C-alpha atoms as a PDB file:
ATOM      1  CA  MET A   1     -18.766  -9.546  17.888  1.00  0.00           C
ATOM      2  CA  SER A   2     -22.384  -9.263  16.775  1.00  0.00           C
ATOM      3  CA  ALA A   3     -23.364  -9.756  13.155  1.00  0.00           C
ATOM      4  CA  VAL A   4     -23.143  -6.710  10.896  1.00  0.00           C
ATOM      5  CA  MET A   5     -25.605  -6.042   8.104  1.00  0.00           C
ATOM      6  CA  THR A   6     -23.765  -5.954   4.784  1.00  0.00           C
ATOM      7  CA  GLU A   7     -26.580  -5.357   2.321  1.00  0.00           C
ATOM      8  CA  ARG A   8     -25.300  -3.670  -0.808  1.00  0.00           C
ATOM      9  CA  PRO A   9     -26.695  -0.165  -1.489  1.00  0.00           C
ATOM     10  CA  ALA A  10     -28.941  -0.186  -4.562  1.00  0.00           C
ATOM     11  CA  ALA A  11     -26.920   2.578  -6.238  1.00  0.00           C
ATOM     12  CA  ILE A  12     -23.709   0.526  -6.203  1.00  0.00           C
ATOM     13  CA  GLY A  13     -23.217  -2.461  -8.492  1.00  0.00           C
ATOM     14  CA  GLU A  14     -22.162  -5.830  -7.135  1.00  0.00           C
ATOM     15  CA  THR A  15     -18.647  -5.743  -8.618  1.00  0.00           C
ATOM     16  CA  GLU A  16     -17.926  -2.272  -7.282  1.00  0.00           C
ATOM     17  CA  TRP A  17     -19.320  -3.211  -3.871  1.00  0.00           C
ATOM     18  CA  GLU A  18     -16.996  -6.205  -3.653  1.00  0.00           C
ATOM     19  CA  ALA A  19     -14.093  -3.897  -4.502  1.00  0.00           C
ATOM     20  CA  ARG A  20     -15.207  -1.436  -1.819  1.00  0.00           C
ATOM     21  CA  VAL A  21     -15.356  -4.177   0.813  1.00  0.00           C
ATOM     22  CA  LYS A  22     -11.817  -5.342   0.011  1.00  0.00           C
ATOM     23  CA  LEU A  23     -10.461  -1.799   0.025  1.00  0.00           C
ATOM     24  CA  ALA A  24     -12.169  -0.985   3.335  1.00  0.00           C
ATOM     25  CA  ALA A  25     -10.669  -4.182   4.761  1.00  0.00           C
ATOM     26  CA  SER A  26      -7.175  -3.069   3.768  1.00  0.00           C
ATOM     27  CA  TYR A  27      -7.627   0.192   5.681  1.00  0.00           C
ATOM     28  CA  ARG A  28      -8.682  -1.722   8.783  1.00  0.00           C
ATOM     29  CA  MET A  29      -5.742  -4.130   8.481  1.00  0.00           C
ATOM     30  CA  VAL A  30      -3.233  -1.290   8.218  1.00  0.00           C
ATOM     31  CA  ALA A  31      -4.795   0.279  11.309  1.00  0.00           C
ATOM     32  CA  ARG A  32      -4.778  -2.984  13.273  1.00  0.00           C
ATOM     33  CA  LEU A  33      -1.036  -3.331  12.675  1.00  0.00           C
ATOM     34  CA  GLY A  34      -0.388   0.273  13.754  1.00  0.00           C
ATOM     35  CA  MET A  35       0.895   1.395  10.359  1.00  0.00           C
ATOM     36  CA  ASP A  36      -1.679   4.181   9.884  1.00  0.00           C
ATOM     37  CA  ASP A  37      -1.182   7.868  10.654  1.00  0.00           C
ATOM     38  CA  LEU A  38      -4.377   9.299  12.175  1.00  0.00           C
ATOM     39  CA  ILE A  39      -6.519  10.673   9.297  1.00  0.00           C
ATOM     40  CA  TYR A  40      -3.566  10.873   6.902  1.00  0.00           C
ATOM     41  CA  ASN A  41      -2.189   8.360   4.393  1.00  0.00           C
ATOM     42  CA  HIS A  42      -4.292   6.756   1.724  1.00  0.00           C
ATOM     43  CA  ILE A  43      -5.077   3.582  -0.166  1.00  0.00           C
ATOM     44  CA  SER A  44      -6.869   3.690  -3.507  1.00  0.00           C
ATOM     45  CA  LEU A  45      -8.425   1.059  -5.732  1.00  0.00           C
ATOM     46  CA  ARG A  46      -9.360   1.424  -9.379  1.00  0.00           C
ATOM     47  CA  VAL A  47     -13.093   1.007  -9.941  1.00  0.00           C
ATOM     48  CA  PRO A  48     -13.555  -2.300 -11.811  1.00  0.00           C
ATOM     49  CA  GLY A  49     -14.191  -1.636 -15.481  1.00  0.00           C
ATOM     50  CA  HIS A  50     -13.217   2.063 -15.273  1.00  0.00           C
ATOM     51  CA  ASP A  51      -9.551   2.875 -15.847  1.00  0.00           C
ATOM     52  CA  ASP A  52     -10.116   6.569 -15.063  1.00  0.00           C
ATOM     53  CA  GLN A  53     -11.963   6.144 -11.738  1.00  0.00           C
ATOM     54  CA  PHE A  54     -10.803   5.058  -8.318  1.00  0.00           C
ATOM     55  CA  LEU A  55     -12.013   4.722  -4.736  1.00  0.00           C
ATOM     56  CA  ILE A  56     -10.175   6.399  -1.864  1.00  0.00           C
ATOM     57  CA  ASN A  57     -10.665   7.280   1.796  1.00  0.00           C
ATOM     58  CA  PRO A  58     -12.720  10.284   2.904  1.00  0.00           C
ATOM     59  CA  TYR A  59     -10.433  12.941   4.389  1.00  0.00           C
ATOM     60  CA  GLY A  60     -11.034  13.193   8.113  1.00  0.00           C
ATOM     61  CA  LEU A  61     -11.817   9.571   8.956  1.00  0.00           C
ATOM     62  CA  LEU A  62      -9.413   7.301  10.790  1.00  0.00           C
ATOM     63  CA  PHE A  63      -8.403   4.121   8.982  1.00  0.00           C
ATOM     64  CA  SER A  64     -10.248   2.242  11.733  1.00  0.00           C
ATOM     65  CA  GLU A  65     -13.465   4.047  10.750  1.00  0.00           C
ATOM     66  CA  ILE A  66     -13.389   3.357   7.013  1.00  0.00           C
ATOM     67  CA  THR A  67     -16.325   1.373   5.642  1.00  0.00           C
ATOM     68  CA  ALA A  68     -17.210   0.179   2.166  1.00  0.00           C
ATOM     69  CA  SER A  69     -19.938   2.793   1.787  1.00  0.00           C
ATOM     70  CA  SER A  70     -17.851   5.709   3.096  1.00  0.00           C
ATOM     71  CA  LEU A  71     -15.203   5.452   0.368  1.00  0.00           C
ATOM     72  CA  VAL A  72     -15.181   8.333  -2.111  1.00  0.00           C
ATOM     73  CA  LYS A  73     -15.252   7.660  -5.856  1.00  0.00           C
ATOM     74  CA  ILE A  74     -13.350  10.166  -7.991  1.00  0.00           C
ATOM     75  CA  ASP A  75     -11.847  10.266 -11.460  1.00  0.00           C
ATOM     76  CA  THR A  76      -8.213  10.857 -12.348  1.00  0.00           C
ATOM     77  CA  GLU A  77      -8.971  14.565 -12.764  1.00  0.00           C
ATOM     78  CA  GLY A  78     -10.143  14.798  -9.145  1.00  0.00           C
ATOM     79  CA  ARG A  79     -13.885  15.061  -9.807  1.00  0.00           C
ATOM     80  CA  LYS A  80     -16.329  13.173  -7.598  1.00  0.00           C
ATOM     81  CA  ILE A  81     -18.216  10.521  -9.551  1.00  0.00           C
ATOM     82  CA  ALA A  82     -20.845   9.911  -6.869  1.00  0.00           C
ATOM     83  CA  ASP A  83     -22.322  12.091  -4.147  1.00  0.00           C
ATOM     84  CA  SER A  84     -20.330  12.120  -0.917  1.00  0.00           C
ATOM     85  CA  PRO A  85     -20.277  14.487   2.056  1.00  0.00           C
ATOM     86  CA  HIS A  86     -16.525  13.970   2.279  1.00  0.00           C
ATOM     87  CA  ASP A  87     -13.555  15.566   0.584  1.00  0.00           C
ATOM     88  CA  VAL A  88     -10.363  13.864  -0.597  1.00  0.00           C
ATOM     89  CA  ASN A  89      -6.903  14.825   0.631  1.00  0.00           C
ATOM     90  CA  VAL A  90      -5.165  16.882  -2.081  1.00  0.00           C
ATOM     91  CA  ALA A  91      -1.903  14.986  -1.679  1.00  0.00           C
ATOM     92  CA  ALA A  92      -3.839  11.729  -1.981  1.00  0.00           C
ATOM     93  CA  PHE A  93      -5.258  12.826  -5.329  1.00  0.00           C
ATOM     94  CA  VAL A  94      -1.897  14.053  -6.640  1.00  0.00           C
ATOM     95  CA  ILE A  95      -0.107  10.806  -5.784  1.00  0.00           C
ATOM     96  CA  HIS A  96      -2.773   8.238  -6.573  1.00  0.00           C
ATOM     97  CA  ALA A  97      -4.164   9.770  -9.753  1.00  0.00           C
ATOM     98  CA  ALA A  98      -0.656   9.905 -11.213  1.00  0.00           C
ATOM     99  CA  ILE A  99       0.008   6.224 -10.527  1.00  0.00           C
ATOM    100  CA  HIS A 100      -3.412   4.981 -11.657  1.00  0.00           C
ATOM    101  CA  ARG A 101      -3.048   6.879 -14.942  1.00  0.00           C
ATOM    102  CA  SER A 102       0.434   5.571 -15.655  1.00  0.00           C
ATOM    103  CA  ARG A 103       0.435   1.968 -14.429  1.00  0.00           C
ATOM    104  CA  HIS A 104      -2.263  -0.325 -15.782  1.00  0.00           C
ATOM    105  CA  ASP A 105      -1.201  -3.017 -13.308  1.00  0.00           C
ATOM    106  CA  ALA A 106      -1.568  -0.625 -10.372  1.00  0.00           C
ATOM    107  CA  ALA A 107      -5.149  -1.491  -9.479  1.00  0.00           C
ATOM    108  CA  CYS A 108      -4.388  -0.676  -5.844  1.00  0.00           C
ATOM    109  CA  VAL A 109      -2.010   2.050  -4.680  1.00  0.00           C
ATOM    110  CA  LEU A 110      -1.073   2.183  -1.002  1.00  0.00           C
ATOM    111  CA  HIS A 111       0.809   4.983   0.755  1.00  0.00           C
ATOM    112  CA  THR A 112       1.692   5.113   4.444  1.00  0.00           C
ATOM    113  CA  HIS A 113       4.104   6.792   6.840  1.00  0.00           C
ATOM    114  CA  SER A 114       4.845   3.522   8.653  1.00  0.00           C
ATOM    115  CA  ASP A 115       7.726   4.045  11.069  1.00  0.00           C
ATOM    116  CA  ALA A 116      10.367   1.581   9.909  1.00  0.00           C
ATOM    117  CA  SER A 117       9.793   2.307   6.220  1.00  0.00           C
ATOM    118  CA  VAL A 118      10.179   6.045   6.839  1.00  0.00           C
ATOM    119  CA  ALA A 119      13.375   5.338   8.776  1.00  0.00           C
ATOM    120  CA  VAL A 120      14.995   3.394   5.926  1.00  0.00           C
ATOM    121  CA  SER A 121      13.728   5.923   3.360  1.00  0.00           C
ATOM    122  CA  GLY A 122      16.334   8.289   4.780  1.00  0.00           C
ATOM    123  CA  GLN A 123      19.149   5.796   4.218  1.00  0.00           C
ATOM    124  CA  GLU A 124      21.073   6.113   0.970  1.00  0.00           C
ATOM    125  CA  LYS A 125      20.416   2.561  -0.251  1.00  0.00           C
ATOM    126  CA  GLY A 126      17.001   2.186   1.314  1.00  0.00           C
ATOM    127  CA  LEU A 127      16.107  -1.389   2.181  1.00  0.00           C
ATOM    128  CA  LEU A 128      19.161  -3.631   2.381  1.00  0.00           C
ATOM    129  CA  PRO A 129      19.126  -7.405   1.683  1.00  0.00           C
ATOM    130  CA  LEU A 130      19.590  -8.338   5.328  1.00  0.00           C
ATOM    131  CA  SER A 131      16.675 -10.743   5.693  1.00  0.00           C
ATOM    132  CA  GLN A 132      14.544 -13.039   3.594  1.00  0.00           C
ATOM    133  CA  PHE A 133      11.731 -10.519   3.962  1.00  0.00           C
ATOM    134  CA  ALA A 134      13.962  -7.983   2.197  1.00  0.00           C
ATOM    135  CA  MET A 135      14.956 -10.252  -0.689  1.00  0.00           C
ATOM    136  CA  ARG A 136      11.594  -9.761  -2.410  1.00  0.00           C
ATOM    137  CA  PHE A 137      12.533  -6.108  -2.930  1.00  0.00           C
ATOM    138  CA  TYR A 138      16.159  -6.548  -3.983  1.00  0.00           C
ATOM    139  CA  GLY A 139      16.725  -4.333  -7.021  1.00  0.00           C
ATOM    140  CA  ARG A 140      13.000  -3.673  -7.114  1.00  0.00           C
ATOM    141  CA  GLN A 141      12.551  -0.537  -5.027  1.00  0.00           C
ATOM    142  CA  GLY A 142      12.216   2.931  -6.474  1.00  0.00           C
ATOM    143  CA  PHE A 143      13.240   6.181  -4.763  1.00  0.00           C
ATOM    144  CA  HIS A 144      11.546   9.568  -4.913  1.00  0.00           C
ATOM    145  CA  ASP A 145      13.319  12.549  -3.360  1.00  0.00           C
ATOM    146  CA  TYR A 146      11.383  14.667  -0.896  1.00  0.00           C
ATOM    147  CA  GLU A 147       9.873  17.808  -2.452  1.00  0.00           C
ATOM    148  CA  GLY A 148       7.625  18.952   0.393  1.00  0.00           C
ATOM    149  CA  VAL A 149       3.981  17.998   0.843  1.00  0.00           C
ATOM    150  CA  ALA A 150       2.840  16.385  -2.410  1.00  0.00           C
ATOM    151  CA  ILE A 151       0.295  18.991  -3.469  1.00  0.00           C
ATOM    152  CA  ASP A 152       1.962  20.311  -6.633  1.00  0.00           C
ATOM    153  CA  MET A 153       0.663  18.802  -9.852  1.00  0.00           C
ATOM    154  CA  ASP A 154       4.063  19.020 -11.543  1.00  0.00           C
ATOM    155  CA  GLU A 155       5.403  16.471  -9.042  1.00  0.00           C
ATOM    156  CA  GLN A 156       3.217  13.803 -10.647  1.00  0.00           C
ATOM    157  CA  ALA A 157       5.584  13.286 -13.571  1.00  0.00           C
ATOM    158  CA  ARG A 158       8.533  12.745 -11.232  1.00  0.00           C
ATOM    159  CA  LEU A 159       6.556  10.343  -9.046  1.00  0.00           C
ATOM    160  CA  VAL A 160       5.695   8.266 -12.099  1.00  0.00           C
ATOM    161  CA  ALA A 161       9.266   8.334 -13.429  1.00  0.00           C
ATOM    162  CA  ASP A 162      10.767   7.338 -10.076  1.00  0.00           C
ATOM    163  CA  LEU A 163       8.286   4.524  -9.490  1.00  0.00           C
ATOM    164  CA  ALA A 164       8.827   3.233 -13.059  1.00  0.00           C
ATOM    165  CA  GLY A 165       7.990  -0.471 -13.045  1.00  0.00           C
ATOM    166  CA  HIS A 166       8.834  -1.117  -9.397  1.00  0.00           C
ATOM    167  CA  PRO A 167       6.294  -2.679  -7.019  1.00  0.00           C
ATOM    168  CA  VAL A 168       7.390  -0.397  -4.188  1.00  0.00           C
ATOM    169  CA  MET A 169       8.868   3.072  -3.866  1.00  0.00           C
ATOM    170  CA  LEU A 170      10.469   4.791  -0.918  1.00  0.00           C
ATOM    171  CA  MET A 171       9.461   8.431  -0.778  1.00  0.00           C
ATOM    172  CA  ARG A 172      12.567   9.871   0.844  1.00  0.00           C
ATOM    173  CA  ASN A 173      12.066  11.267   4.368  1.00  0.00           C
ATOM    174  CA  HIS A 174       8.332  10.742   3.900  1.00  0.00           C
ATOM    175  CA  GLY A 175       6.968   7.224   3.544  1.00  0.00           C
ATOM    176  CA  ILE A 176       6.403   4.219   1.342  1.00  0.00           C
ATOM    177  CA  LEU A 177       4.222   3.523  -1.685  1.00  0.00           C
ATOM    178  CA  THR A 178       3.266   0.044  -2.871  1.00  0.00           C
ATOM    179  CA  VAL A 179       1.258  -0.973  -5.918  1.00  0.00           C
ATOM    180  CA  GLY A 180      -0.645  -4.178  -6.437  1.00  0.00           C
ATOM    181  CA  ARG A 181      -3.095  -5.943  -8.676  1.00  0.00           C
ATOM    182  CA  SER A 182      -5.392  -6.129  -5.662  1.00  0.00           C
ATOM    183  CA  PRO A 183      -5.692  -4.640  -2.164  1.00  0.00           C
ATOM    184  CA  GLY A 184      -4.306  -7.930  -0.860  1.00  0.00           C
ATOM    185  CA  GLU A 185      -1.127  -7.638  -2.894  1.00  0.00           C
ATOM    186  CA  ALA A 186      -0.526  -3.964  -2.072  1.00  0.00           C
ATOM    187  CA  PHE A 187      -1.122  -4.654   1.631  1.00  0.00           C
ATOM    188  CA  MET A 188       1.174  -7.670   1.785  1.00  0.00           C
ATOM    189  CA  LEU A 189       3.964  -5.760   0.039  1.00  0.00           C
ATOM    190  CA  LEU A 190       3.661  -3.102   2.738  1.00  0.00           C
ATOM    191  CA  TYR A 191       3.621  -5.759   5.450  1.00  0.00           C
ATOM    192  CA  TYR A 192       6.725  -7.564   4.186  1.00  0.00           C
ATOM    193  CA  PHE A 193       8.613  -4.324   3.503  1.00  0.00           C
ATOM    194  CA  GLU A 194       7.855  -3.011   6.988  1.00  0.00           C
ATOM    195  CA  ARG A 195       8.991  -6.301   8.570  1.00  0.00           C
ATOM    196  CA  ALA A 196      12.218  -6.139   6.575  1.00  0.00           C
ATOM    197  CA  ALA A 197      12.764  -2.496   7.531  1.00  0.00           C
ATOM    198  CA  LYS A 198      12.289  -3.238  11.241  1.00  0.00           C
ATOM    199  CA  ILE A 199      14.794  -6.080  11.036  1.00  0.00           C
ATOM    200  CA  GLN A 200      17.259  -3.820   9.233  1.00  0.00           C
ATOM    201  CA  LEU A 201      17.008  -1.139  11.908  1.00  0.00           C
ATOM    202  CA  ALA A 202      17.454  -3.732  14.660  1.00  0.00           C
ATOM    203  CA  MET A 203      20.523  -5.181  12.966  1.00  0.00           C
ATOM    204  CA  GLN A 204      22.023  -1.738  12.418  1.00  0.00           C
ATOM    205  CA  ALA A 205      21.422  -0.815  16.044  1.00  0.00           C
ATOM    206  CA  ALA A 206      23.190  -3.977  17.210  1.00  0.00           C
ATOM    207  CA  ALA A 207      25.999  -3.792  14.660  1.00  0.00           C
ATOM    208  CA  PRO A 208      28.541  -1.763  16.657  1.00  0.00           C
ATOM    209  CA  ALA A 209      28.654  -4.409  19.361  1.00  0.00           C
ATOM    210  CA  ALA A 210      27.777  -7.465  17.295  1.00  0.00           C
ATOM    211  CA  GLY A 211      30.220  -6.763  14.488  1.00  0.00           C
ATOM    212  CA  PRO A 212      29.784  -5.924  10.789  1.00  0.00           C
ATOM    213  CA  LEU A 213      26.535  -6.781   9.035  1.00  0.00           C
ATOM    214  CA  VAL A 214      26.579  -9.780   6.696  1.00  0.00           C
ATOM    215  CA  LEU A 215      24.950  -9.319   3.281  1.00  0.00           C
ATOM    216  CA  PRO A 216      24.532 -12.198   0.828  1.00  0.00           C
ATOM    217  CA  THR A 217      26.160 -11.860  -2.578  1.00  0.00           C
ATOM    218  CA  HIS A 218      24.399 -10.089  -5.436  1.00  0.00           C
ATOM    219  CA  GLU A 219      23.885 -13.421  -7.175  1.00  0.00           C
ATOM    220  CA  VAL A 220      22.141 -14.956  -4.161  1.00  0.00           C
ATOM    221  CA  CYS A 221      20.004 -11.861  -3.553  1.00  0.00           C
ATOM    222  CA  GLU A 222      18.899 -11.742  -7.190  1.00  0.00           C
ATOM    223  CA  LYS A 223      18.139 -15.467  -7.145  1.00  0.00           C
ATOM    224  CA  ALA A 224      15.913 -15.023  -4.097  1.00  0.00           C
ATOM    225  CA  ALA A 225      14.162 -12.012  -5.648  1.00  0.00           C
ATOM    226  CA  ARG A 226      13.444 -13.977  -8.815  1.00  0.00           C
ATOM    227  CA  GLN A 227      12.064 -16.853  -6.750  1.00  0.00           C
ATOM    228  CA  PHE A 228       9.518 -14.463  -5.260  1.00  0.00           C
ATOM    229  CA  TRP A 229       8.568 -12.592  -8.425  1.00  0.00           C
ATOM    230  CA  GLU A 230       8.633 -15.572 -10.771  1.00  0.00           C
ATOM    231  CA  LEU A 231       6.479 -17.524  -8.284  1.00  0.00           C
ATOM    232  CA  GLN A 232       8.869 -20.425  -8.113  1.00  0.00           C
ATOM    233  CA  GLY A 233       8.122 -23.492  -5.994  1.00  0.00           C
ATOM    234  CA  ASP A 234       4.896 -22.960  -4.043  1.00  0.00           C
ATOM    235  CA  ILE A 235       5.230 -19.155  -3.931  1.00  0.00           C
ATOM    236  CA  LEU A 236       2.119 -17.257  -4.982  1.00  0.00           C
ATOM    237  CA  ILE A 237       1.357 -13.593  -5.710  1.00  0.00           C
ATOM    238  CA  PRO A 238       1.449 -11.702  -2.394  1.00  0.00           C
ATOM    239  CA  GLY A 239      -1.982 -11.833  -0.824  1.00  0.00           C
ATOM    240  CA  GLU A 240      -3.309 -14.898  -2.625  1.00  0.00           C
ATOM    241  CA  ARG A 241      -2.788 -17.092   0.410  1.00  0.00           C
ATOM    242  CA  GLU A 242      -2.624 -14.501   3.187  1.00  0.00           C
ATOM    243  CA  TRP A 243      -5.546 -12.248   2.243  1.00  0.00           C
ATOM    244  CA  PRO A 244      -8.438 -14.712   2.743  1.00  0.00           C
ATOM    245  CA  ALA A 245      -7.055 -15.607   6.190  1.00  0.00           C
ATOM    246  CA  LEU A 246      -6.669 -11.943   7.103  1.00  0.00           C
ATOM    247  CA  MET A 247     -10.245 -11.252   5.974  1.00  0.00           C
ATOM    248  CA  ARG A 248     -11.531 -14.093   8.152  1.00  0.00           C
ATOM    249  CA  ASP A 249      -9.601 -12.754  11.123  1.00  0.00           C
ATOM    250  CA  LEU A 250     -10.935  -9.242  10.526  1.00  0.00           C
ATOM    251  CA  ASP A 251     -14.498 -10.561  10.300  1.00  0.00           C
ATOM    252  CA  ARG A 252     -14.082 -12.319  13.651  1.00  0.00           C
ATOM    253  CA  HIS A 253     -12.932  -9.124  15.359  1.00  0.00           C
ATOM    254  CA  ASP A 254     -14.830  -6.307  13.632  1.00  0.00           C
ATOM    255  CA  PRO A 255     -16.818  -6.825  10.434  1.00  0.00           C
ATOM    256  CA  SER A 256     -18.170  -3.265  10.477  1.00  0.00           C
ATOM    257  CA  TYR A 257     -15.916  -2.394   7.517  1.00  0.00           C
ATOM    258  CA  ARG A 258     -18.442  -4.245   5.350  1.00  0.00           C
ATOM    259  CA  THR A 259     -21.168  -1.644   5.903  1.00  0.00           C
END
């Protein structure tokens, strides 16, 4: 892969540009793992130093096309803050503006229609504690019932209420939403949830022949969840270890997201 020029545009400050690069990288990583959905789905990142502004993908571009400079900057009322030839998906604004306004810790909000997560969103209990991947989310997943395409402003209040303080929410029959303090954290939560969901579906498919599924006790599941969220042992915030390695790998294959 040839070198890619990454000179920061004069109109964008250094801190915002760094945020744009990380957000663009998260789009590319989702695409590389096949968890995108053509031009749909969205990942947003609060503009550093501006609680009422966030960056989001231009409607009409594939995740694999997103670059730091192509991201659209809007406020939580849906107004563009900087000139852009692109529009923003209405559903993206409805969902992401609601979460950014209500959760100070939700610097990054990620929403996809990844296959396994959609599949378990239609199951009554959502993600089950069937694997270590799933333990991180034990008792820490919200549920939002399907109301149609999320273009009605009055749905925002219900989205916020259903997400509450959870790091992840299954949008029934629709998709998954993760929130993180960084693009790395939001991405890794998606990655681990999707892995857990795939394992769950595989176990359920094999169950009739293999026998009943085995679930650890509540006490063990809660212990494991606390180990993850209380950062016990050598556990770090999701993305702290993985993200730099993923960025290096992305740079080796296609650093064009930095433009």
